[in-house]
Structure formats: C-alpha cells, structure tokens
Amino acid sequence: MYCVKCGKEYEGQFCPHCGQAAPAKRYCPGCGAEITDPNITECPGCGGFVP
C-alpha cells in the first residue's frame, strides 16, 4: 500500500518512512468488498456508497 502522508509504498501497520499509521480497513456494506483506498466513497465492485 501507499502511505497517505508521504506517498511511499510500504507494508505493515505503520509507514517506516514517516510513521503514519495505516488506514483502518473498510468494507462495502453492499457487497462486502474490502476498500483499500481511504478516499473512495463508491465501491469499485458494486457501485454502492462506502461510508
């Protein structure tokens, strides 16, 4: 994933470059797909609204 603060790619719970915590996992209430982009409000799978 890419850090929302510094933009660098990383794996894990915290960015090793700047210390930013990974965003909480979100799921589409319509189809249950995991939403990995914190800026998405429309599910790429079913088009439903993601809060």
PDB file of N, CA and C in Angstrom:
ATOM      1  N   MET A   1       0.835  -1.165   0.000  1.00  0.00           N
ATOM      2  CA  MET A   1       0.000   0.000   0.000  1.00  0.00           C
ATOM      3  C   MET A   1       0.885   1.235   0.000  1.00  0.00           C
ATOM      4  N   TYR A   2       0.270   2.360  -0.286  1.00  0.00           N
ATOM      5  CA  TYR A   2       1.000   3.623  -0.301  1.00  0.00           C
ATOM      6  C   TYR A   2       0.563   4.482   0.883  1.00  0.00           C
ATOM      7  N   CYS A   3       1.516   5.128   1.490  1.00  0.00           N
ATOM      8  CA  CYS A   3       1.260   5.975   2.652  1.00  0.00           C
ATOM      9  C   CYS A   3       0.445   7.196   2.240  1.00  0.00           C
ATOM     10  N   VAL A   4      -0.598   7.509   3.016  1.00  0.00           N
ATOM     11  CA  VAL A   4      -1.428   8.671   2.720  1.00  0.00           C
ATOM     12  C   VAL A   4      -0.730   9.978   3.087  1.00  0.00           C
ATOM     13  N   LYS A   5       0.315   9.904   3.882  1.00  0.00           N
ATOM     14  CA  LYS A   5       1.029  11.108   4.308  1.00  0.00           C
ATOM     15  C   LYS A   5       2.216  11.429   3.395  1.00  0.00           C
ATOM     16  N   CYS A   6       3.102  10.433   3.153  1.00  0.00           N
ATOM     17  CA  CYS A   6       4.316  10.708   2.371  1.00  0.00           C
ATOM     18  C   CYS A   6       4.292  10.104   0.965  1.00  0.00           C
ATOM     19  N   GLY A   7       3.336   9.198   0.684  1.00  0.00           N
ATOM     20  CA  GLY A   7       3.192   8.628  -0.644  1.00  0.00           C
ATOM     21  C   GLY A   7       4.099   7.459  -0.972  1.00  0.00           C
ATOM     22  N   LYS A   8       4.934   7.046  -0.035  1.00  0.00           N
ATOM     23  CA  LYS A   8       5.847   5.937  -0.295  1.00  0.00           C
ATOM     24  C   LYS A   8       5.148   4.602  -0.049  1.00  0.00           C
ATOM     25  N   GLU A   9       5.556   3.587  -0.814  1.00  0.00           N
ATOM     26  CA  GLU A   9       4.962   2.261  -0.686  1.00  0.00           C
ATOM     27  C   GLU A   9       5.535   1.551   0.536  1.00  0.00           C
ATOM     28  N   TYR A  10       4.669   0.820   1.248  1.00  0.00           N
ATOM     29  CA  TYR A  10       5.110   0.072   2.426  1.00  0.00           C
ATOM     30  C   TYR A  10       4.127  -1.036   2.731  1.00  0.00           C
ATOM     31  N   GLU A  11       4.518  -1.926   3.639  1.00  0.00           N
ATOM     32  CA  GLU A  11       3.642  -2.980   4.144  1.00  0.00           C
ATOM     33  C   GLU A  11       3.654  -2.898   5.658  1.00  0.00           C
ATOM     34  N   GLY A  12       2.579  -3.288   6.299  1.00  0.00           N
ATOM     35  CA  GLY A  12       2.520  -3.279   7.751  1.00  0.00           C
ATOM     36  C   GLY A  12       1.542  -2.257   8.293  1.00  0.00           C
ATOM     37  N   GLN A  13       1.598  -2.056   9.596  1.00  0.00           N
ATOM     38  CA  GLN A  13       0.659  -1.168  10.283  1.00  0.00           C
ATOM     39  C   GLN A  13       1.106   0.296  10.298  1.00  0.00           C
ATOM     40  N   PHE A  14       2.403   0.545  10.100  1.00  0.00           N
ATOM     41  CA  PHE A  14       2.942   1.908  10.123  1.00  0.00           C
ATOM     42  C   PHE A  14       3.921   2.089   8.980  1.00  0.00           C
ATOM     43  N   CYS A  15       3.942   3.277   8.402  1.00  0.00           N
ATOM     44  CA  CYS A  15       4.896   3.606   7.347  1.00  0.00           C
ATOM     45  C   CYS A  15       6.281   3.745   7.988  1.00  0.00           C
ATOM     46  N   PRO A  16       7.284   2.988   7.518  1.00  0.00           N
ATOM     47  CA  PRO A  16       8.619   3.080   8.106  1.00  0.00           C
ATOM     48  C   PRO A  16       9.343   4.376   7.738  1.00  0.00           C
ATOM     49  N   HIS A  17       8.825   5.102   6.763  1.00  0.00           N
ATOM     50  CA  HIS A  17       9.453   6.335   6.306  1.00  0.00           C
ATOM     51  C   HIS A  17       9.040   7.545   7.136  1.00  0.00           C
ATOM     52  N   CYS A  18       7.747   7.633   7.495  1.00  0.00           N
ATOM     53  CA  CYS A  18       7.271   8.821   8.224  1.00  0.00           C
ATOM     54  C   CYS A  18       6.509   8.488   9.503  1.00  0.00           C
ATOM     55  N   GLY A  19       6.183   7.210   9.721  1.00  0.00           N
ATOM     56  CA  GLY A  19       5.498   6.803  10.949  1.00  0.00           C
ATOM     57  C   GLY A  19       3.980   6.866  10.910  1.00  0.00           C
ATOM     58  N   GLN A  20       3.400   7.245   9.786  1.00  0.00           N
ATOM     59  CA  GLN A  20       1.943   7.334   9.661  1.00  0.00           C
ATOM     60  C   GLN A  20       1.316   5.950   9.831  1.00  0.00           C
ATOM     61  N   ALA A  21       0.258   5.870  10.617  1.00  0.00           N
ATOM     62  CA  ALA A  21      -0.464   4.611  10.805  1.00  0.00           C
ATOM     63  C   ALA A  21      -1.239   4.266   9.538  1.00  0.00           C
ATOM     64  N   ALA A  22      -1.325   2.974   9.260  1.00  0.00           N
ATOM     65  CA  ALA A  22      -2.109   2.509   8.115  1.00  0.00           C
ATOM     66  C   ALA A  22      -3.582   2.824   8.358  1.00  0.00           C
ATOM     67  N   PRO A  23      -4.324   3.164   7.306  1.00  0.00           N
ATOM     68  CA  PRO A  23      -5.745   3.448   7.488  1.00  0.00           C
ATOM     69  C   PRO A  23      -6.506   2.199   7.929  1.00  0.00           C
ATOM     70  N   ALA A  24      -7.560   2.411   8.689  1.00  0.00           N
ATOM     71  CA  ALA A  24      -8.396   1.300   9.143  1.00  0.00           C
ATOM     72  C   ALA A  24      -9.052   0.644   7.931  1.00  0.00           C
ATOM     73  N   LYS A  25      -9.223  -0.657   7.999  1.00  0.00           N
ATOM     74  CA  LYS A  25      -9.865  -1.365   6.894  1.00  0.00           C
ATOM     75  C   LYS A  25     -11.335  -0.993   6.843  1.00  0.00           C
ATOM     76  N   ARG A  26     -11.823  -0.818   5.627  1.00  0.00           N
ATOM     77  CA  ARG A  26     -13.242  -0.529   5.409  1.00  0.00           C
ATOM     78  C   ARG A  26     -13.790  -1.567   4.450  1.00  0.00           C
ATOM     79  N   TYR A  27     -15.059  -1.810   4.579  1.00  0.00           N
ATOM     80  CA  TYR A  27     -15.724  -2.794   3.727  1.00  0.00           C
ATOM     81  C   TYR A  27     -17.006  -2.183   3.177  1.00  0.00           C
ATOM     82  N   CYS A  28     -17.338  -2.551   1.948  1.00  0.00           N
ATOM     83  CA  CYS A  28     -18.571  -2.090   1.328  1.00  0.00           C
ATOM     84  C   CYS A  28     -19.757  -2.744   2.033  1.00  0.00           C
ATOM     85  N   PRO A  29     -20.738  -1.947   2.480  1.00  0.00           N
ATOM     86  CA  PRO A  29     -21.909  -2.541   3.118  1.00  0.00           C
ATOM     87  C   PRO A  29     -22.809  -3.283   2.136  1.00  0.00           C
ATOM     88  N   GLY A  30     -22.662  -2.999   0.836  1.00  0.00           N
ATOM     89  CA  GLY A  30     -23.495  -3.653  -0.165  1.00  0.00           C
ATOM     90  C   GLY A  30     -23.021  -5.040  -0.559  1.00  0.00           C
ATOM     91  N   CYS A  31     -21.699  -5.171  -0.812  1.00  0.00           N
ATOM     92  CA  CYS A  31     -21.188  -6.452  -1.305  1.00  0.00           C
ATOM     93  C   CYS A  31     -20.093  -7.053  -0.424  1.00  0.00           C
ATOM     94  N   GLY A  32     -19.596  -6.295   0.553  1.00  0.00           N
ATOM     95  CA  GLY A  32     -18.591  -6.818   1.473  1.00  0.00           C
ATOM     96  C   GLY A  32     -17.155  -6.712   0.985  1.00  0.00           C
ATOM     97  N   ALA A  33     -16.934  -6.083  -0.175  1.00  0.00           N
ATOM     98  CA  ALA A  33     -15.575  -5.944  -0.703  1.00  0.00           C
ATOM     99  C   ALA A  33     -14.742  -5.043   0.207  1.00  0.00           C
ATOM    100  N   GLU A  34     -13.462  -5.399   0.374  1.00  0.00           N
ATOM    101  CA  GLU A  34     -12.572  -4.563   1.171  1.00  0.00           C
ATOM    102  C   GLU A  34     -12.196  -3.326   0.351  1.00  0.00           C
ATOM    103  N   ILE A  35     -12.306  -2.163   0.956  1.00  0.00           N
ATOM    104  CA  ILE A  35     -11.969  -0.902   0.305  1.00  0.00           C
ATOM    105  C   ILE A  35     -10.621  -0.459   0.853  1.00  0.00           C
ATOM    106  N   THR A  36      -9.604  -0.448  -0.001  1.00  0.00           N
ATOM    107  CA  THR A  36      -8.254  -0.144   0.454  1.00  0.00           C
ATOM    108  C   THR A  36      -7.880   1.325   0.300  1.00  0.00           C
ATOM    109  N   ASP A  37      -8.532   2.041  -0.589  1.00  0.00           N
ATOM    110  CA  ASP A  37      -8.234   3.460  -0.795  1.00  0.00           C
ATOM    111  C   ASP A  37      -9.082   4.281   0.167  1.00  0.00           C
ATOM    112  N   PRO A  38      -8.457   5.067   1.073  1.00  0.00           N
ATOM    113  CA  PRO A  38      -9.232   5.824   2.047  1.00  0.00           C
ATOM    114  C   PRO A  38     -10.062   6.951   1.441  1.00  0.00           C
ATOM    115  N   ASN A  39      -9.822   7.302   0.187  1.00  0.00           N
ATOM    116  CA  ASN A  39     -10.540   8.399  -0.457  1.00  0.00           C
ATOM    117  C   ASN A  39     -11.760   7.939  -1.250  1.00  0.00           C
ATOM    118  N   ILE A  40     -11.938   6.637  -1.399  1.00  0.00           N
ATOM    119  CA  ILE A  40     -13.051   6.110  -2.190  1.00  0.00           C
ATOM    120  C   ILE A  40     -14.352   6.164  -1.391  1.00  0.00           C
ATOM    121  N   THR A  41     -15.399   6.647  -2.029  1.00  0.00           N
ATOM    122  CA  THR A  41     -16.728   6.636  -1.412  1.00  0.00           C
ATOM    123  C   THR A  41     -17.706   5.797  -2.234  1.00  0.00           C
ATOM    124  N   GLU A  42     -17.244   5.279  -3.380  1.00  0.00           N
ATOM    125  CA  GLU A  42     -18.071   4.410  -4.215  1.00  0.00           C
ATOM    126  C   GLU A  42     -17.333   3.098  -4.421  1.00  0.00           C
ATOM    127  N   CYS A  43     -17.985   1.993  -4.101  1.00  0.00           N
ATOM    128  CA  CYS A  43     -17.365   0.675  -4.220  1.00  0.00           C
ATOM    129  C   CYS A  43     -17.042   0.371  -5.680  1.00  0.00           C
ATOM    130  N   PRO A  44     -15.790  -0.012  -5.973  1.00  0.00           N
ATOM    131  CA  PRO A  44     -15.443  -0.370  -7.347  1.00  0.00           C
ATOM    132  C   PRO A  44     -16.073  -1.690  -7.789  1.00  0.00           C
ATOM    133  N   GLY A  45     -16.529  -2.488  -6.830  1.00  0.00           N
ATOM    134  CA  GLY A  45     -17.144  -3.771  -7.163  1.00  0.00           C
ATOM    135  C   GLY A  45     -18.600  -3.670  -7.549  1.00  0.00           C
ATOM    136  N   CYS A  46     -19.385  -2.967  -6.708  1.00  0.00           N
ATOM    137  CA  CYS A  46     -20.829  -2.925  -6.958  1.00  0.00           C
ATOM    138  C   CYS A  46     -21.381  -1.520  -7.179  1.00  0.00           C
ATOM    139  N   GLY A  47     -20.545  -0.493  -6.941  1.00  0.00           N
ATOM    140  CA  GLY A  47     -21.011   0.883  -7.146  1.00  0.00           C
ATOM    141  C   GLY A  47     -21.753   1.473  -5.968  1.00  0.00           C
ATOM    142  N   GLY A  48     -21.860   0.706  -4.876  1.00  0.00           N
ATOM    143  CA  GLY A  48     -22.573   1.201  -3.701  1.00  0.00           C
ATOM    144  C   GLY A  48     -21.780   2.244  -2.931  1.00  0.00           C
ATOM    145  N   PHE A  49     -22.484   3.003  -2.107  1.00  0.00           N
ATOM    146  CA  PHE A  49     -21.853   4.038  -1.285  1.00  0.00           C
ATOM    147  C   PHE A  49     -21.072   3.405  -0.137  1.00  0.00           C
ATOM    148  N   VAL A  50     -19.838   3.850   0.061  1.00  0.00           N
ATOM    149  CA  VAL A  50     -18.999   3.366   1.141  1.00  0.00           C
ATOM    150  C   VAL A  50     -18.785   4.517   2.119  1.00  0.00           C
ATOM    151  N   PRO A  51     -19.303   4.402   3.347  1.00  0.00           N
ATOM    152  CA  PRO A  51     -19.149   5.494   4.327  1.00  0.00           C
ATOM    153  C   PRO A  51     -17.722   5.670   4.800  1.00  0.00           C
TER     154      PRO A  51
END
